[in-house]
Amino acid sequence: MSDADVEAGAPPSAKARWIVRLGVLLIRALALTWRIRVVNDAGLKAERAARRPVIFSLWHGQMLPLLYQHRGEGVAVLISEHRDGEMIARAAAGLGFETVRGSTSRGAARALIGLVRTLNDGRDVAVTPDGPRGPAKSFAPGALVAAQRTGAAIVPVIAAP
């Protein structure tokens, strides 16, 4: 697929639209096989009861089941501005997520501003603090800064087999 097929803001090509549709269908099919059990969610329940937005923090390799669990809840997902991120953003929209664009290496300030605005609007956000470039399971500071600026709680979320 060429860069032109997935440039941010550009109308998607027919090929890109089909790839996104197939990706969304595949995620939904995979989700039928997942058994999700929530444990230690007292902190999240307290934030929900107080109507305060949270920052869901999940490792990059565990995104699909954890995000799928929160589809349709108005969560905004931080997604890279890279061309691969555009495909992911379109698939996320197909699953009912809003997006905030940017990453540590591209559009970091814009991403932080977007996260802060979203949280200040009362909506939850989801971030992968280790990002696609890694190092894996190493916490980059963006979520912490957003939490400091908004008072939002960081809710660590993990998946285990």
Protein backbone atom coordinates (compact mmCIF):
# COMPACT_ATOMS: atom_id res chain seq x y z
CA MET A 1 0.00 0.00 0.00
CA SER A 2 1.42 3.40 -0.89
CA ASP A 3 1.76 6.39 1.42
CA ALA A 4 -0.96 8.09 -0.63
CA ASP A 5 -3.42 5.36 0.37
CA VAL A 6 -3.21 6.24 4.04
CA GLU A 7 -2.07 9.85 4.44
CA ALA A 8 -3.63 11.58 7.43
CA GLY A 9 -6.56 13.71 6.42
CA ALA A 10 -6.61 12.47 2.83
CA PRO A 11 -9.73 10.69 1.62
CA PRO A 12 -9.06 6.96 1.85
CA SER A 13 -8.65 4.98 -1.33
CA ALA A 14 -11.03 2.11 -2.05
CA LYS A 15 -8.22 -0.29 -1.17
CA ALA A 16 -7.63 1.40 2.19
CA ARG A 17 -11.36 1.39 2.99
CA TRP A 18 -11.56 -2.35 2.32
CA ILE A 19 -8.49 -3.08 4.42
CA VAL A 20 -10.00 -1.15 7.33
CA ARG A 21 -13.35 -2.92 6.97
CA LEU A 22 -11.63 -6.30 6.92
CA GLY A 23 -9.55 -5.33 9.95
CA VAL A 24 -12.64 -4.31 11.92
CA LEU A 25 -14.39 -7.57 10.99
CA LEU A 26 -11.32 -9.57 12.01
CA ILE A 27 -11.14 -7.80 15.39
CA ARG A 28 -14.84 -8.48 15.99
CA ALA A 29 -14.37 -12.14 15.06
CA LEU A 30 -11.36 -12.47 17.37
CA ALA A 31 -13.33 -10.81 20.17
CA LEU A 32 -15.79 -13.68 20.07
CA THR A 33 -12.97 -15.92 21.36
CA TRP A 34 -11.85 -13.65 24.22
CA ARG A 35 -12.93 -14.27 27.79
CA ILE A 36 -12.38 -11.10 29.75
CA ARG A 37 -12.45 -11.07 33.53
CA VAL A 38 -12.05 -7.74 35.30
CA VAL A 39 -10.21 -7.72 38.64
CA ASN A 40 -9.11 -4.94 41.00
CA ASP A 41 -11.40 -2.34 39.46
CA ALA A 42 -12.34 -0.49 42.67
CA GLY A 43 -10.30 2.55 41.63
CA LEU A 44 -11.98 2.73 38.23
CA LYS A 45 -15.41 2.34 39.82
CA ALA A 46 -14.63 5.20 42.23
CA GLU A 47 -13.59 7.47 39.36
CA ARG A 48 -16.73 6.52 37.43
CA ALA A 49 -18.92 7.21 40.49
CA ALA A 50 -17.30 10.64 40.84
CA ARG A 51 -17.78 11.22 37.08
CA ARG A 52 -14.07 11.89 36.59
CA PRO A 53 -12.36 10.88 33.35
CA VAL A 54 -9.47 8.45 33.46
CA ILE A 55 -6.39 7.64 31.43
CA PHE A 56 -6.36 3.95 30.53
CA SER A 57 -2.73 2.88 30.22
CA LEU A 58 -2.03 -0.38 28.42
CA TRP A 59 1.04 -1.96 26.90
CA HIS A 60 1.33 -1.79 23.15
CA GLY A 61 1.13 -5.54 22.54
CA GLN A 62 -2.09 -5.89 24.58
CA MET A 63 -4.24 -3.30 22.85
CA LEU A 64 -6.91 -5.26 21.02
CA PRO A 65 -8.79 -7.09 23.78
CA LEU A 66 -8.42 -4.25 26.26
CA LEU A 67 -9.65 -1.57 23.90
CA TYR A 68 -12.41 -3.77 22.54
CA GLN A 69 -13.71 -4.14 26.10
CA HIS A 70 -14.29 -0.35 26.22
CA ARG A 71 -15.73 0.20 22.74
CA GLY A 72 -18.76 2.43 22.59
CA GLU A 73 -17.88 4.17 25.89
CA GLY A 74 -16.62 7.38 24.29
CA VAL A 75 -12.96 6.60 24.99
CA ALA A 76 -10.51 8.56 22.84
CA VAL A 77 -7.46 6.54 21.79
CA LEU A 78 -4.03 8.10 21.24
CA ILE A 79 -2.82 7.00 17.81
CA SER A 80 0.37 7.86 15.97
CA GLU A 81 0.38 10.39 13.13
CA HIS A 82 2.49 7.97 11.11
CA ARG A 83 0.86 6.57 7.97
CA ASP A 84 0.27 3.22 9.71
CA GLY A 85 -1.50 5.16 12.43
CA GLU A 86 -3.98 6.46 9.88
CA MET A 87 -5.17 2.92 9.15
CA ILE A 88 -5.40 2.19 12.87
CA ALA A 89 -7.34 5.43 13.42
CA ARG A 90 -9.86 4.46 10.74
CA ALA A 91 -10.28 0.99 12.26
CA ALA A 92 -10.67 2.51 15.74
CA ALA A 93 -13.39 4.78 14.40
CA GLY A 94 -15.07 1.70 12.93
CA LEU A 95 -15.16 0.23 16.43
CA GLY A 96 -16.67 3.39 17.91
CA PHE A 97 -13.59 5.14 19.28
CA GLU A 98 -12.59 8.75 18.95
CA THR A 99 -8.94 9.48 18.28
CA VAL A 100 -6.25 11.86 19.44
CA ARG A 101 -3.32 11.90 17.02
CA GLY A 102 0.38 12.12 17.85
CA SER A 103 3.21 10.21 19.51
CA THR A 104 6.50 10.77 21.29
CA SER A 105 8.39 10.96 18.00
CA ARG A 106 5.76 12.75 15.92
CA GLY A 107 3.36 15.44 17.07
CA ALA A 108 4.06 14.99 20.79
CA ALA A 109 2.94 18.48 21.80
CA ARG A 110 -0.22 18.22 19.71
CA ALA A 111 -0.93 14.79 21.22
CA LEU A 112 -0.55 16.11 24.76
CA ILE A 113 -2.82 19.07 24.03
CA GLY A 114 -5.40 16.70 22.52
CA LEU A 115 -5.26 14.39 25.55
CA VAL A 116 -5.63 17.29 27.98
CA ARG A 117 -8.56 18.77 26.03
CA THR A 118 -10.31 15.42 25.84
CA LEU A 119 -9.88 14.80 29.57
CA ASN A 120 -10.99 18.35 30.40
CA ASP A 121 -14.12 17.67 28.32
CA GLY A 122 -14.86 14.80 30.71
CA ARG A 123 -13.98 11.92 28.39
CA ASP A 124 -11.63 9.01 29.04
CA VAL A 125 -8.50 8.44 26.99
CA ALA A 126 -6.42 5.33 26.29
CA VAL A 127 -2.69 5.42 25.70
CA THR A 128 0.09 2.92 25.12
CA PRO A 129 2.97 4.51 27.03
CA ASP A 130 5.55 2.17 25.51
CA GLY A 131 4.54 2.94 21.92
CA PRO A 132 5.32 0.88 18.82
CA ARG A 133 9.02 1.76 18.77
CA GLY A 134 9.60 0.69 22.35
CA PRO A 135 11.33 -0.15 24.39
CA ALA A 136 8.51 -2.55 25.22
CA LYS A 137 6.88 -2.08 28.61
CA SER A 138 8.85 1.09 29.31
CA PHE A 139 6.59 3.92 30.47
CA ALA A 140 7.05 7.17 28.47
CA PRO A 141 5.97 10.32 30.38
CA GLY A 142 3.03 11.54 28.23
CA ALA A 143 0.28 9.93 30.31
CA LEU A 144 1.86 11.22 33.52
CA VAL A 145 2.00 14.77 32.20
CA ALA A 146 -1.63 14.58 31.04
CA ALA A 147 -2.63 13.27 34.49
CA GLN A 148 -0.73 16.07 36.23
CA ARG A 149 -2.34 18.75 34.08
CA THR A 150 -5.90 17.43 34.44
CA GLY A 151 -6.04 15.56 37.72
CA ALA A 152 -7.21 12.44 35.86
CA ALA A 153 -6.31 9.08 37.38
CA ILE A 154 -4.13 6.69 35.41
CA VAL A 155 -5.76 3.26 35.30
CA PRO A 156 -3.21 0.58 34.41
CA VAL A 157 -4.79 -2.18 32.35
CA ILE A 158 -3.13 -5.49 31.49
CA ALA A 159 -4.11 -8.67 29.74
CA ALA A 160 -3.01 -12.11 30.85
CA PRO A 161 -3.66 -15.44 29.16
